[in-house]
Amino acid sequence: ADYGDLDYYFIAGASLADVVQRYTW
């Protein structure tokens, strides 16, 4: 990134649908 902190979330799930659901939370 051009500036700022490295701020990211790791999202685990049993399926891709679970990952997308948790992302939208």
PDBML (XML) file of the C-alpha atoms, coordinates in Angstrom:
<?xml version="1.0" encoding="UTF-8" ?>
<PDBx:datablock datablockName="MODEL"
   xmlns:PDBx="http://pdbml.pdb.org/schema/pdbx-v50.xsd"
   xmlns:xsi="http://www.w3.org/2001/XMLSchema-instance"
   xsi:schemaLocation="http://pdbml.pdb.org/schema/pdbx-v50.xsd pdbx-v50.xsd">
   <PDBx:atom_siteCategory>
      <PDBx:atom_site id="1">
         <PDBx:B_iso_or_equiv>0.00</PDBx:B_iso_or_equiv>
         <PDBx:Cartn_x>0.000</PDBx:Cartn_x>
         <PDBx:Cartn_y>0.000</PDBx:Cartn_y>
         <PDBx:Cartn_z>0.000</PDBx:Cartn_z>
         <PDBx:auth_asym_id>A</PDBx:auth_asym_id>
         <PDBx:auth_atom_id>CA</PDBx:auth_atom_id>
         <PDBx:auth_comp_id>ALA</PDBx:auth_comp_id>
         <PDBx:auth_seq_id>1</PDBx:auth_seq_id>
         <PDBx:group_PDB>ATOM</PDBx:group_PDB>
         <PDBx:label_alt_id xsi:nil="true" />
         <PDBx:label_asym_id>A</PDBx:label_asym_id>
         <PDBx:label_atom_id>CA</PDBx:label_atom_id>
         <PDBx:label_comp_id>ALA</PDBx:label_comp_id>
         <PDBx:label_entity_id>1</PDBx:label_entity_id>
         <PDBx:label_seq_id>1</PDBx:label_seq_id>
         <PDBx:occupancy>1.00</PDBx:occupancy>
         <PDBx:pdbx_PDB_model_num>1</PDBx:pdbx_PDB_model_num>
         <PDBx:type_symbol>C</PDBx:type_symbol>
      </PDBx:atom_site>
      <PDBx:atom_site id="2">
         <PDBx:B_iso_or_equiv>0.00</PDBx:B_iso_or_equiv>
         <PDBx:Cartn_x>1.215</PDBx:Cartn_x>
         <PDBx:Cartn_y>3.497</PDBx:Cartn_y>
         <PDBx:Cartn_z>-0.756</PDBx:Cartn_z>
         <PDBx:auth_asym_id>A</PDBx:auth_asym_id>
         <PDBx:auth_atom_id>CA</PDBx:auth_atom_id>
         <PDBx:auth_comp_id>ASP</PDBx:auth_comp_id>
         <PDBx:auth_seq_id>2</PDBx:auth_seq_id>
         <PDBx:group_PDB>ATOM</PDBx:group_PDB>
         <PDBx:label_alt_id xsi:nil="true" />
         <PDBx:label_asym_id>A</PDBx:label_asym_id>
         <PDBx:label_atom_id>CA</PDBx:label_atom_id>
         <PDBx:label_comp_id>ASP</PDBx:label_comp_id>
         <PDBx:label_entity_id>1</PDBx:label_entity_id>
         <PDBx:label_seq_id>2</PDBx:label_seq_id>
         <PDBx:occupancy>1.00</PDBx:occupancy>
         <PDBx:pdbx_PDB_model_num>1</PDBx:pdbx_PDB_model_num>
         <PDBx:type_symbol>C</PDBx:type_symbol>
      </PDBx:atom_site>
      <PDBx:atom_site id="3">
         <PDBx:B_iso_or_equiv>0.00</PDBx:B_iso_or_equiv>
         <PDBx:Cartn_x>0.708</PDBx:Cartn_x>
         <PDBx:Cartn_y>4.617</PDBx:Cartn_y>
         <PDBx:Cartn_z>2.851</PDBx:Cartn_z>
         <PDBx:auth_asym_id>A</PDBx:auth_asym_id>
         <PDBx:auth_atom_id>CA</PDBx:auth_atom_id>
         <PDBx:auth_comp_id>TYR</PDBx:auth_comp_id>
         <PDBx:auth_seq_id>3</PDBx:auth_seq_id>
         <PDBx:group_PDB>ATOM</PDBx:group_PDB>
         <PDBx:label_alt_id xsi:nil="true" />
         <PDBx:label_asym_id>A</PDBx:label_asym_id>
         <PDBx:label_atom_id>CA</PDBx:label_atom_id>
         <PDBx:label_comp_id>TYR</PDBx:label_comp_id>
         <PDBx:label_entity_id>1</PDBx:label_entity_id>
         <PDBx:label_seq_id>3</PDBx:label_seq_id>
         <PDBx:occupancy>1.00</PDBx:occupancy>
         <PDBx:pdbx_PDB_model_num>1</PDBx:pdbx_PDB_model_num>
         <PDBx:type_symbol>C</PDBx:type_symbol>
      </PDBx:atom_site>
      <PDBx:atom_site id="4">
         <PDBx:B_iso_or_equiv>0.00</PDBx:B_iso_or_equiv>
         <PDBx:Cartn_x>-0.829</PDBx:Cartn_x>
         <PDBx:Cartn_y>3.610</PDBx:Cartn_y>
         <PDBx:Cartn_z>6.159</PDBx:Cartn_z>
         <PDBx:auth_asym_id>A</PDBx:auth_asym_id>
         <PDBx:auth_atom_id>CA</PDBx:auth_atom_id>
         <PDBx:auth_comp_id>GLY</PDBx:auth_comp_id>
         <PDBx:auth_seq_id>4</PDBx:auth_seq_id>
         <PDBx:group_PDB>ATOM</PDBx:group_PDB>
         <PDBx:label_alt_id xsi:nil="true" />
         <PDBx:label_asym_id>A</PDBx:label_asym_id>
         <PDBx:label_atom_id>CA</PDBx:label_atom_id>
         <PDBx:label_comp_id>GLY</PDBx:label_comp_id>
         <PDBx:label_entity_id>1</PDBx:label_entity_id>
         <PDBx:label_seq_id>4</PDBx:label_seq_id>
         <PDBx:occupancy>1.00</PDBx:occupancy>
         <PDBx:pdbx_PDB_model_num>1</PDBx:pdbx_PDB_model_num>
         <PDBx:type_symbol>C</PDBx:type_symbol>
      </PDBx:atom_site>
      <PDBx:atom_site id="5">
         <PDBx:B_iso_or_equiv>0.00</PDBx:B_iso_or_equiv>
         <PDBx:Cartn_x>-0.680</PDBx:Cartn_x>
         <PDBx:Cartn_y>0.512</PDBx:Cartn_y>
         <PDBx:Cartn_z>8.329</PDBx:Cartn_z>
         <PDBx:auth_asym_id>A</PDBx:auth_asym_id>
         <PDBx:auth_atom_id>CA</PDBx:auth_atom_id>
         <PDBx:auth_comp_id>ASP</PDBx:auth_comp_id>
         <PDBx:auth_seq_id>5</PDBx:auth_seq_id>
         <PDBx:group_PDB>ATOM</PDBx:group_PDB>
         <PDBx:label_alt_id xsi:nil="true" />
         <PDBx:label_asym_id>A</PDBx:label_asym_id>
         <PDBx:label_atom_id>CA</PDBx:label_atom_id>
         <PDBx:label_comp_id>ASP</PDBx:label_comp_id>
         <PDBx:label_entity_id>1</PDBx:label_entity_id>
         <PDBx:label_seq_id>5</PDBx:label_seq_id>
         <PDBx:occupancy>1.00</PDBx:occupancy>
         <PDBx:pdbx_PDB_model_num>1</PDBx:pdbx_PDB_model_num>
         <PDBx:type_symbol>C</PDBx:type_symbol>
      </PDBx:atom_site>
      <PDBx:atom_site id="6">
         <PDBx:B_iso_or_equiv>0.00</PDBx:B_iso_or_equiv>
         <PDBx:Cartn_x>-1.056</PDBx:Cartn_x>
         <PDBx:Cartn_y>-3.074</PDBx:Cartn_y>
         <PDBx:Cartn_z>7.180</PDBx:Cartn_z>
         <PDBx:auth_asym_id>A</PDBx:auth_asym_id>
         <PDBx:auth_atom_id>CA</PDBx:auth_atom_id>
         <PDBx:auth_comp_id>LEU</PDBx:auth_comp_id>
         <PDBx:auth_seq_id>6</PDBx:auth_seq_id>
         <PDBx:group_PDB>ATOM</PDBx:group_PDB>
         <PDBx:label_alt_id xsi:nil="true" />
         <PDBx:label_asym_id>A</PDBx:label_asym_id>
         <PDBx:label_atom_id>CA</PDBx:label_atom_id>
         <PDBx:label_comp_id>LEU</PDBx:label_comp_id>
         <PDBx:label_entity_id>1</PDBx:label_entity_id>
         <PDBx:label_seq_id>6</PDBx:label_seq_id>
         <PDBx:occupancy>1.00</PDBx:occupancy>
         <PDBx:pdbx_PDB_model_num>1</PDBx:pdbx_PDB_model_num>
         <PDBx:type_symbol>C</PDBx:type_symbol>
      </PDBx:atom_site>
      <PDBx:atom_site id="7">
         <PDBx:B_iso_or_equiv>0.00</PDBx:B_iso_or_equiv>
         <PDBx:Cartn_x>-4.579</PDBx:Cartn_x>
         <PDBx:Cartn_y>-3.641</PDBx:Cartn_y>
         <PDBx:Cartn_z>8.491</PDBx:Cartn_z>
         <PDBx:auth_asym_id>A</PDBx:auth_asym_id>
         <PDBx:auth_atom_id>CA</PDBx:auth_atom_id>
         <PDBx:auth_comp_id>ASP</PDBx:auth_comp_id>
         <PDBx:auth_seq_id>7</PDBx:auth_seq_id>
         <PDBx:group_PDB>ATOM</PDBx:group_PDB>
         <PDBx:label_alt_id xsi:nil="true" />
         <PDBx:label_asym_id>A</PDBx:label_asym_id>
         <PDBx:label_atom_id>CA</PDBx:label_atom_id>
         <PDBx:label_comp_id>ASP</PDBx:label_comp_id>
         <PDBx:label_entity_id>1</PDBx:label_entity_id>
         <PDBx:label_seq_id>7</PDBx:label_seq_id>
         <PDBx:occupancy>1.00</PDBx:occupancy>
         <PDBx:pdbx_PDB_model_num>1</PDBx:pdbx_PDB_model_num>
         <PDBx:type_symbol>C</PDBx:type_symbol>
      </PDBx:atom_site>
      <PDBx:atom_site id="8">
         <PDBx:B_iso_or_equiv>0.00</PDBx:B_iso_or_equiv>
         <PDBx:Cartn_x>-6.312</PDBx:Cartn_x>
         <PDBx:Cartn_y>-6.761</PDBx:Cartn_y>
         <PDBx:Cartn_z>7.240</PDBx:Cartn_z>
         <PDBx:auth_asym_id>A</PDBx:auth_asym_id>
         <PDBx:auth_atom_id>CA</PDBx:auth_atom_id>
         <PDBx:auth_comp_id>TYR</PDBx:auth_comp_id>
         <PDBx:auth_seq_id>8</PDBx:auth_seq_id>
         <PDBx:group_PDB>ATOM</PDBx:group_PDB>
         <PDBx:label_alt_id xsi:nil="true" />
         <PDBx:label_asym_id>A</PDBx:label_asym_id>
         <PDBx:label_atom_id>CA</PDBx:label_atom_id>
         <PDBx:label_comp_id>TYR</PDBx:label_comp_id>
         <PDBx:label_entity_id>1</PDBx:label_entity_id>
         <PDBx:label_seq_id>8</PDBx:label_seq_id>
         <PDBx:occupancy>1.00</PDBx:occupancy>
         <PDBx:pdbx_PDB_model_num>1</PDBx:pdbx_PDB_model_num>
         <PDBx:type_symbol>C</PDBx:type_symbol>
      </PDBx:atom_site>
      <PDBx:atom_site id="9">
         <PDBx:B_iso_or_equiv>0.00</PDBx:B_iso_or_equiv>
         <PDBx:Cartn_x>-8.634</PDBx:Cartn_x>
         <PDBx:Cartn_y>-9.530</PDBx:Cartn_y>
         <PDBx:Cartn_z>8.368</PDBx:Cartn_z>
         <PDBx:auth_asym_id>A</PDBx:auth_asym_id>
         <PDBx:auth_atom_id>CA</PDBx:auth_atom_id>
         <PDBx:auth_comp_id>TYR</PDBx:auth_comp_id>
         <PDBx:auth_seq_id>9</PDBx:auth_seq_id>
         <PDBx:group_PDB>ATOM</PDBx:group_PDB>
         <PDBx:label_alt_id xsi:nil="true" />
         <PDBx:label_asym_id>A</PDBx:label_asym_id>
         <PDBx:label_atom_id>CA</PDBx:label_atom_id>
         <PDBx:label_comp_id>TYR</PDBx:label_comp_id>
         <PDBx:label_entity_id>1</PDBx:label_entity_id>
         <PDBx:label_seq_id>9</PDBx:label_seq_id>
         <PDBx:occupancy>1.00</PDBx:occupancy>
         <PDBx:pdbx_PDB_model_num>1</PDBx:pdbx_PDB_model_num>
         <PDBx:type_symbol>C</PDBx:type_symbol>
      </PDBx:atom_site>
      <PDBx:atom_site id="10">
         <PDBx:B_iso_or_equiv>0.00</PDBx:B_iso_or_equiv>
         <PDBx:Cartn_x>-8.132</PDBx:Cartn_x>
         <PDBx:Cartn_y>-13.260</PDBx:Cartn_y>
         <PDBx:Cartn_z>7.922</PDBx:Cartn_z>
         <PDBx:auth_asym_id>A</PDBx:auth_asym_id>
         <PDBx:auth_atom_id>CA</PDBx:auth_atom_id>
         <PDBx:auth_comp_id>PHE</PDBx:auth_comp_id>
         <PDBx:auth_seq_id>10</PDBx:auth_seq_id>
         <PDBx:group_PDB>ATOM</PDBx:group_PDB>
         <PDBx:label_alt_id xsi:nil="true" />
         <PDBx:label_asym_id>A</PDBx:label_asym_id>
         <PDBx:label_atom_id>CA</PDBx:label_atom_id>
         <PDBx:label_comp_id>PHE</PDBx:label_comp_id>
         <PDBx:label_entity_id>1</PDBx:label_entity_id>
         <PDBx:label_seq_id>10</PDBx:label_seq_id>
         <PDBx:occupancy>1.00</PDBx:occupancy>
         <PDBx:pdbx_PDB_model_num>1</PDBx:pdbx_PDB_model_num>
         <PDBx:type_symbol>C</PDBx:type_symbol>
      </PDBx:atom_site>
      <PDBx:atom_site id="11">
         <PDBx:B_iso_or_equiv>0.00</PDBx:B_iso_or_equiv>
         <PDBx:Cartn_x>-11.507</PDBx:Cartn_x>
         <PDBx:Cartn_y>-14.940</PDBx:Cartn_y>
         <PDBx:Cartn_z>7.373</PDBx:Cartn_z>
         <PDBx:auth_asym_id>A</PDBx:auth_asym_id>
         <PDBx:auth_atom_id>CA</PDBx:auth_atom_id>
         <PDBx:auth_comp_id>ILE</PDBx:auth_comp_id>
         <PDBx:auth_seq_id>11</PDBx:auth_seq_id>
         <PDBx:group_PDB>ATOM</PDBx:group_PDB>
         <PDBx:label_alt_id xsi:nil="true" />
         <PDBx:label_asym_id>A</PDBx:label_asym_id>
         <PDBx:label_atom_id>CA</PDBx:label_atom_id>
         <PDBx:label_comp_id>ILE</PDBx:label_comp_id>
         <PDBx:label_entity_id>1</PDBx:label_entity_id>
         <PDBx:label_seq_id>11</PDBx:label_seq_id>
         <PDBx:occupancy>1.00</PDBx:occupancy>
         <PDBx:pdbx_PDB_model_num>1</PDBx:pdbx_PDB_model_num>
         <PDBx:type_symbol>C</PDBx:type_symbol>
      </PDBx:atom_site>
      <PDBx:atom_site id="12">
         <PDBx:B_iso_or_equiv>0.00</PDBx:B_iso_or_equiv>
         <PDBx:Cartn_x>-11.720</PDBx:Cartn_x>
         <PDBx:Cartn_y>-18.724</PDBx:Cartn_y>
         <PDBx:Cartn_z>7.736</PDBx:Cartn_z>
         <PDBx:auth_asym_id>A</PDBx:auth_asym_id>
         <PDBx:auth_atom_id>CA</PDBx:auth_atom_id>
         <PDBx:auth_comp_id>ALA</PDBx:auth_comp_id>
         <PDBx:auth_seq_id>12</PDBx:auth_seq_id>
         <PDBx:group_PDB>ATOM</PDBx:group_PDB>
         <PDBx:label_alt_id xsi:nil="true" />
         <PDBx:label_asym_id>A</PDBx:label_asym_id>
         <PDBx:label_atom_id>CA</PDBx:label_atom_id>
         <PDBx:label_comp_id>ALA</PDBx:label_comp_id>
         <PDBx:label_entity_id>1</PDBx:label_entity_id>
         <PDBx:label_seq_id>12</PDBx:label_seq_id>
         <PDBx:occupancy>1.00</PDBx:occupancy>
         <PDBx:pdbx_PDB_model_num>1</PDBx:pdbx_PDB_model_num>
         <PDBx:type_symbol>C</PDBx:type_symbol>
      </PDBx:atom_site>
      <PDBx:atom_site id="13">
         <PDBx:B_iso_or_equiv>0.00</PDBx:B_iso_or_equiv>
         <PDBx:Cartn_x>-14.620</PDBx:Cartn_x>
         <PDBx:Cartn_y>-20.950</PDBx:Cartn_y>
         <PDBx:Cartn_z>6.786</PDBx:Cartn_z>
         <PDBx:auth_asym_id>A</PDBx:auth_asym_id>
         <PDBx:auth_atom_id>CA</PDBx:auth_atom_id>
         <PDBx:auth_comp_id>GLY</PDBx:auth_comp_id>
         <PDBx:auth_seq_id>13</PDBx:auth_seq_id>
         <PDBx:group_PDB>ATOM</PDBx:group_PDB>
         <PDBx:label_alt_id xsi:nil="true" />
         <PDBx:label_asym_id>A</PDBx:label_asym_id>
         <PDBx:label_atom_id>CA</PDBx:label_atom_id>
         <PDBx:label_comp_id>GLY</PDBx:label_comp_id>
         <PDBx:label_entity_id>1</PDBx:label_entity_id>
         <PDBx:label_seq_id>13</PDBx:label_seq_id>
         <PDBx:occupancy>1.00</PDBx:occupancy>
         <PDBx:pdbx_PDB_model_num>1</PDBx:pdbx_PDB_model_num>
         <PDBx:type_symbol>C</PDBx:type_symbol>
      </PDBx:atom_site>
      <PDBx:atom_site id="14">
         <PDBx:B_iso_or_equiv>0.00</PDBx:B_iso_or_equiv>
         <PDBx:Cartn_x>-15.559</PDBx:Cartn_x>
         <PDBx:Cartn_y>-24.532</PDBx:Cartn_y>
         <PDBx:Cartn_z>5.941</PDBx:Cartn_z>
         <PDBx:auth_asym_id>A</PDBx:auth_asym_id>
         <PDBx:auth_atom_id>CA</PDBx:auth_atom_id>
         <PDBx:auth_comp_id>ALA</PDBx:auth_comp_id>
         <PDBx:auth_seq_id>14</PDBx:auth_seq_id>
         <PDBx:group_PDB>ATOM</PDBx:group_PDB>
         <PDBx:label_alt_id xsi:nil="true" />
         <PDBx:label_asym_id>A</PDBx:label_asym_id>
         <PDBx:label_atom_id>CA</PDBx:label_atom_id>
         <PDBx:label_comp_id>ALA</PDBx:label_comp_id>
         <PDBx:label_entity_id>1</PDBx:label_entity_id>
         <PDBx:label_seq_id>14</PDBx:label_seq_id>
         <PDBx:occupancy>1.00</PDBx:occupancy>
         <PDBx:pdbx_PDB_model_num>1</PDBx:pdbx_PDB_model_num>
         <PDBx:type_symbol>C</PDBx:type_symbol>
      </PDBx:atom_site>
      <PDBx:atom_site id="15">
         <PDBx:B_iso_or_equiv>0.00</PDBx:B_iso_or_equiv>
         <PDBx:Cartn_x>-16.675</PDBx:Cartn_x>
         <PDBx:Cartn_y>-23.404</PDBx:Cartn_y>
         <PDBx:Cartn_z>2.465</PDBx:Cartn_z>
         <PDBx:auth_asym_id>A</PDBx:auth_asym_id>
         <PDBx:auth_atom_id>CA</PDBx:auth_atom_id>
         <PDBx:auth_comp_id>SER</PDBx:auth_comp_id>
         <PDBx:auth_seq_id>15</PDBx:auth_seq_id>
         <PDBx:group_PDB>ATOM</PDBx:group_PDB>
         <PDBx:label_alt_id xsi:nil="true" />
         <PDBx:label_asym_id>A</PDBx:label_asym_id>
         <PDBx:label_atom_id>CA</PDBx:label_atom_id>
         <PDBx:label_comp_id>SER</PDBx:label_comp_id>
         <PDBx:label_entity_id>1</PDBx:label_entity_id>
         <PDBx:label_seq_id>15</PDBx:label_seq_id>
         <PDBx:occupancy>1.00</PDBx:occupancy>
         <PDBx:pdbx_PDB_model_num>1</PDBx:pdbx_PDB_model_num>
         <PDBx:type_symbol>C</PDBx:type_symbol>
      </PDBx:atom_site>
      <PDBx:atom_site id="16">
         <PDBx:B_iso_or_equiv>0.00</PDBx:B_iso_or_equiv>
         <PDBx:Cartn_x>-16.339</PDBx:Cartn_x>
         <PDBx:Cartn_y>-20.397</PDBx:Cartn_y>
         <PDBx:Cartn_z>0.171</PDBx:Cartn_z>
         <PDBx:auth_asym_id>A</PDBx:auth_asym_id>
         <PDBx:auth_atom_id>CA</PDBx:auth_atom_id>
         <PDBx:auth_comp_id>LEU</PDBx:auth_comp_id>
         <PDBx:auth_seq_id>16</PDBx:auth_seq_id>
         <PDBx:group_PDB>ATOM</PDBx:group_PDB>
         <PDBx:label_alt_id xsi:nil="true" />
         <PDBx:label_asym_id>A</PDBx:label_asym_id>
         <PDBx:label_atom_id>CA</PDBx:label_atom_id>
         <PDBx:label_comp_id>LEU</PDBx:label_comp_id>
         <PDBx:label_entity_id>1</PDBx:label_entity_id>
         <PDBx:label_seq_id>16</PDBx:label_seq_id>
         <PDBx:occupancy>1.00</PDBx:occupancy>
         <PDBx:pdbx_PDB_model_num>1</PDBx:pdbx_PDB_model_num>
         <PDBx:type_symbol>C</PDBx:type_symbol>
      </PDBx:atom_site>
      <PDBx:atom_site id="17">
         <PDBx:B_iso_or_equiv>0.00</PDBx:B_iso_or_equiv>
         <PDBx:Cartn_x>-19.947</PDBx:Cartn_x>
         <PDBx:Cartn_y>-19.506</PDBx:Cartn_y>
         <PDBx:Cartn_z>1.001</PDBx:Cartn_z>
         <PDBx:auth_asym_id>A</PDBx:auth_asym_id>
         <PDBx:auth_atom_id>CA</PDBx:auth_atom_id>
         <PDBx:auth_comp_id>ALA</PDBx:auth_comp_id>
         <PDBx:auth_seq_id>17</PDBx:auth_seq_id>
         <PDBx:group_PDB>ATOM</PDBx:group_PDB>
         <PDBx:label_alt_id xsi:nil="true" />
         <PDBx:label_asym_id>A</PDBx:label_asym_id>
         <PDBx:label_atom_id>CA</PDBx:label_atom_id>
         <PDBx:label_comp_id>ALA</PDBx:label_comp_id>
         <PDBx:label_entity_id>1</PDBx:label_entity_id>
         <PDBx:label_seq_id>17</PDBx:label_seq_id>
         <PDBx:occupancy>1.00</PDBx:occupancy>
         <PDBx:pdbx_PDB_model_num>1</PDBx:pdbx_PDB_model_num>
         <PDBx:type_symbol>C</PDBx:type_symbol>
      </PDBx:atom_site>
      <PDBx:atom_site id="18">
         <PDBx:B_iso_or_equiv>0.00</PDBx:B_iso_or_equiv>
         <PDBx:Cartn_x>-19.024</PDBx:Cartn_x>
         <PDBx:Cartn_y>-19.350</PDBx:Cartn_y>
         <PDBx:Cartn_z>4.702</PDBx:Cartn_z>
         <PDBx:auth_asym_id>A</PDBx:auth_asym_id>
         <PDBx:auth_atom_id>CA</PDBx:auth_atom_id>
         <PDBx:auth_comp_id>ASP</PDBx:auth_comp_id>
         <PDBx:auth_seq_id>18</PDBx:auth_seq_id>
         <PDBx:group_PDB>ATOM</PDBx:group_PDB>
         <PDBx:label_alt_id xsi:nil="true" />
         <PDBx:label_asym_id>A</PDBx:label_asym_id>
         <PDBx:label_atom_id>CA</PDBx:label_atom_id>
         <PDBx:label_comp_id>ASP</PDBx:label_comp_id>
         <PDBx:label_entity_id>1</PDBx:label_entity_id>
         <PDBx:label_seq_id>18</PDBx:label_seq_id>
         <PDBx:occupancy>1.00</PDBx:occupancy>
         <PDBx:pdbx_PDB_model_num>1</PDBx:pdbx_PDB_model_num>
         <PDBx:type_symbol>C</PDBx:type_symbol>
      </PDBx:atom_site>
      <PDBx:atom_site id="19">
         <PDBx:B_iso_or_equiv>0.00</PDBx:B_iso_or_equiv>
         <PDBx:Cartn_x>-16.098</PDBx:Cartn_x>
         <PDBx:Cartn_y>-17.043</PDBx:Cartn_y>
         <PDBx:Cartn_z>3.935</PDBx:Cartn_z>
         <PDBx:auth_asym_id>A</PDBx:auth_asym_id>
         <PDBx:auth_atom_id>CA</PDBx:auth_atom_id>
         <PDBx:auth_comp_id>VAL</PDBx:auth_comp_id>
         <PDBx:auth_seq_id>19</PDBx:auth_seq_id>
         <PDBx:group_PDB>ATOM</PDBx:group_PDB>
         <PDBx:label_alt_id xsi:nil="true" />
         <PDBx:label_asym_id>A</PDBx:label_asym_id>
         <PDBx:label_atom_id>CA</PDBx:label_atom_id>
         <PDBx:label_comp_id>VAL</PDBx:label_comp_id>
         <PDBx:label_entity_id>1</PDBx:label_entity_id>
         <PDBx:label_seq_id>19</PDBx:label_seq_id>
         <PDBx:occupancy>1.00</PDBx:occupancy>
         <PDBx:pdbx_PDB_model_num>1</PDBx:pdbx_PDB_model_num>
         <PDBx:type_symbol>C</PDBx:type_symbol>
      </PDBx:atom_site>
      <PDBx:atom_site id="20">
         <PDBx:B_iso_or_equiv>0.00</PDBx:B_iso_or_equiv>
         <PDBx:Cartn_x>-18.257</PDBx:Cartn_x>
         <PDBx:Cartn_y>-14.681</PDBx:Cartn_y>
         <PDBx:Cartn_z>1.863</PDBx:Cartn_z>
         <PDBx:auth_asym_id>A</PDBx:auth_asym_id>
         <PDBx:auth_atom_id>CA</PDBx:auth_atom_id>
         <PDBx:auth_comp_id>VAL</PDBx:auth_comp_id>
         <PDBx:auth_seq_id>20</PDBx:auth_seq_id>
         <PDBx:group_PDB>ATOM</PDBx:group_PDB>
         <PDBx:label_alt_id xsi:nil="true" />
         <PDBx:label_asym_id>A</PDBx:label_asym_id>
         <PDBx:label_atom_id>CA</PDBx:label_atom_id>
         <PDBx:label_comp_id>VAL</PDBx:label_comp_id>
         <PDBx:label_entity_id>1</PDBx:label_entity_id>
         <PDBx:label_seq_id>20</PDBx:label_seq_id>
         <PDBx:occupancy>1.00</PDBx:occupancy>
         <PDBx:pdbx_PDB_model_num>1</PDBx:pdbx_PDB_model_num>
         <PDBx:type_symbol>C</PDBx:type_symbol>
      </PDBx:atom_site>
      <PDBx:atom_site id="21">
         <PDBx:B_iso_or_equiv>0.00</PDBx:B_iso_or_equiv>
         <PDBx:Cartn_x>-20.960</PDBx:Cartn_x>
         <PDBx:Cartn_y>-14.657</PDBx:Cartn_y>
         <PDBx:Cartn_z>4.547</PDBx:Cartn_z>
         <PDBx:auth_asym_id>A</PDBx:auth_asym_id>
         <PDBx:auth_atom_id>CA</PDBx:auth_atom_id>
         <PDBx:auth_comp_id>GLN</PDBx:auth_comp_id>
         <PDBx:auth_seq_id>21</PDBx:auth_seq_id>
         <PDBx:group_PDB>ATOM</PDBx:group_PDB>
         <PDBx:label_alt_id xsi:nil="true" />
         <PDBx:label_asym_id>A</PDBx:label_asym_id>
         <PDBx:label_atom_id>CA</PDBx:label_atom_id>
         <PDBx:label_comp_id>GLN</PDBx:label_comp_id>
         <PDBx:label_entity_id>1</PDBx:label_entity_id>
         <PDBx:label_seq_id>21</PDBx:label_seq_id>
         <PDBx:occupancy>1.00</PDBx:occupancy>
         <PDBx:pdbx_PDB_model_num>1</PDBx:pdbx_PDB_model_num>
         <PDBx:type_symbol>C</PDBx:type_symbol>
      </PDBx:atom_site>
      <PDBx:atom_site id="22">
         <PDBx:B_iso_or_equiv>0.00</PDBx:B_iso_or_equiv>
         <PDBx:Cartn_x>-18.459</PDBx:Cartn_x>
         <PDBx:Cartn_y>-13.716</PDBx:Cartn_y>
         <PDBx:Cartn_z>7.256</PDBx:Cartn_z>
         <PDBx:auth_asym_id>A</PDBx:auth_asym_id>
         <PDBx:auth_atom_id>CA</PDBx:auth_atom_id>
         <PDBx:auth_comp_id>ARG</PDBx:auth_comp_id>
         <PDBx:auth_seq_id>22</PDBx:auth_seq_id>
         <PDBx:group_PDB>ATOM</PDBx:group_PDB>
         <PDBx:label_alt_id xsi:nil="true" />
         <PDBx:label_asym_id>A</PDBx:label_asym_id>
         <PDBx:label_atom_id>CA</PDBx:label_atom_id>
         <PDBx:label_comp_id>ARG</PDBx:label_comp_id>
         <PDBx:label_entity_id>1</PDBx:label_entity_id>
         <PDBx:label_seq_id>22</PDBx:label_seq_id>
         <PDBx:occupancy>1.00</PDBx:occupancy>
         <PDBx:pdbx_PDB_model_num>1</PDBx:pdbx_PDB_model_num>
         <PDBx:type_symbol>C</PDBx:type_symbol>
      </PDBx:atom_site>
      <PDBx:atom_site id="23">
         <PDBx:B_iso_or_equiv>0.00</PDBx:B_iso_or_equiv>
         <PDBx:Cartn_x>-16.908</PDBx:Cartn_x>
         <PDBx:Cartn_y>-11.090</PDBx:Cartn_y>
         <PDBx:Cartn_z>4.988</PDBx:Cartn_z>
         <PDBx:auth_asym_id>A</PDBx:auth_asym_id>
         <PDBx:auth_atom_id>CA</PDBx:auth_atom_id>
         <PDBx:auth_comp_id>TYR</PDBx:auth_comp_id>
         <PDBx:auth_seq_id>23</PDBx:auth_seq_id>
         <PDBx:group_PDB>ATOM</PDBx:group_PDB>
         <PDBx:label_alt_id xsi:nil="true" />
         <PDBx:label_asym_id>A</PDBx:label_asym_id>
         <PDBx:label_atom_id>CA</PDBx:label_atom_id>
         <PDBx:label_comp_id>TYR</PDBx:label_comp_id>
         <PDBx:label_entity_id>1</PDBx:label_entity_id>
         <PDBx:label_seq_id>23</PDBx:label_seq_id>
         <PDBx:occupancy>1.00</PDBx:occupancy>
         <PDBx:pdbx_PDB_model_num>1</PDBx:pdbx_PDB_model_num>
         <PDBx:type_symbol>C</PDBx:type_symbol>
      </PDBx:atom_site>
      <PDBx:atom_site id="24">
         <PDBx:B_iso_or_equiv>0.00</PDBx:B_iso_or_equiv>
         <PDBx:Cartn_x>-20.292</PDBx:Cartn_x>
         <PDBx:Cartn_y>-9.418</PDBx:Cartn_y>
         <PDBx:Cartn_z>4.587</PDBx:Cartn_z>
         <PDBx:auth_asym_id>A</PDBx:auth_asym_id>
         <PDBx:auth_atom_id>CA</PDBx:auth_atom_id>
         <PDBx:auth_comp_id>THR</PDBx:auth_comp_id>
         <PDBx:auth_seq_id>24</PDBx:auth_seq_id>
         <PDBx:group_PDB>ATOM</PDBx:group_PDB>
         <PDBx:label_alt_id xsi:nil="true" />
         <PDBx:label_asym_id>A</PDBx:label_asym_id>
         <PDBx:label_atom_id>CA</PDBx:label_atom_id>
         <PDBx:label_comp_id>THR</PDBx:label_comp_id>
         <PDBx:label_entity_id>1</PDBx:label_entity_id>
         <PDBx:label_seq_id>24</PDBx:label_seq_id>
         <PDBx:occupancy>1.00</PDBx:occupancy>
         <PDBx:pdbx_PDB_model_num>1</PDBx:pdbx_PDB_model_num>
         <PDBx:type_symbol>C</PDBx:type_symbol>
      </PDBx:atom_site>
      <PDBx:atom_site id="25">
         <PDBx:B_iso_or_equiv>0.00</PDBx:B_iso_or_equiv>
         <PDBx:Cartn_x>-20.722</PDBx:Cartn_x>
         <PDBx:Cartn_y>-9.395</PDBx:Cartn_y>
         <PDBx:Cartn_z>8.367</PDBx:Cartn_z>
         <PDBx:auth_asym_id>A</PDBx:auth_asym_id>
         <PDBx:auth_atom_id>CA</PDBx:auth_atom_id>
         <PDBx:auth_comp_id>TRP</PDBx:auth_comp_id>
         <PDBx:auth_seq_id>25</PDBx:auth_seq_id>
         <PDBx:group_PDB>ATOM</PDBx:group_PDB>
         <PDBx:label_alt_id xsi:nil="true" />
         <PDBx:label_asym_id>A</PDBx:label_asym_id>
         <PDBx:label_atom_id>CA</PDBx:label_atom_id>
         <PDBx:label_comp_id>TRP</PDBx:label_comp_id>
         <PDBx:label_entity_id>1</PDBx:label_entity_id>
         <PDBx:label_seq_id>25</PDBx:label_seq_id>
         <PDBx:occupancy>1.00</PDBx:occupancy>
         <PDBx:pdbx_PDB_model_num>1</PDBx:pdbx_PDB_model_num>
         <PDBx:type_symbol>C</PDBx:type_symbol>
      </PDBx:atom_site>
   </PDBx:atom_siteCategory>
</PDBx:datablock>
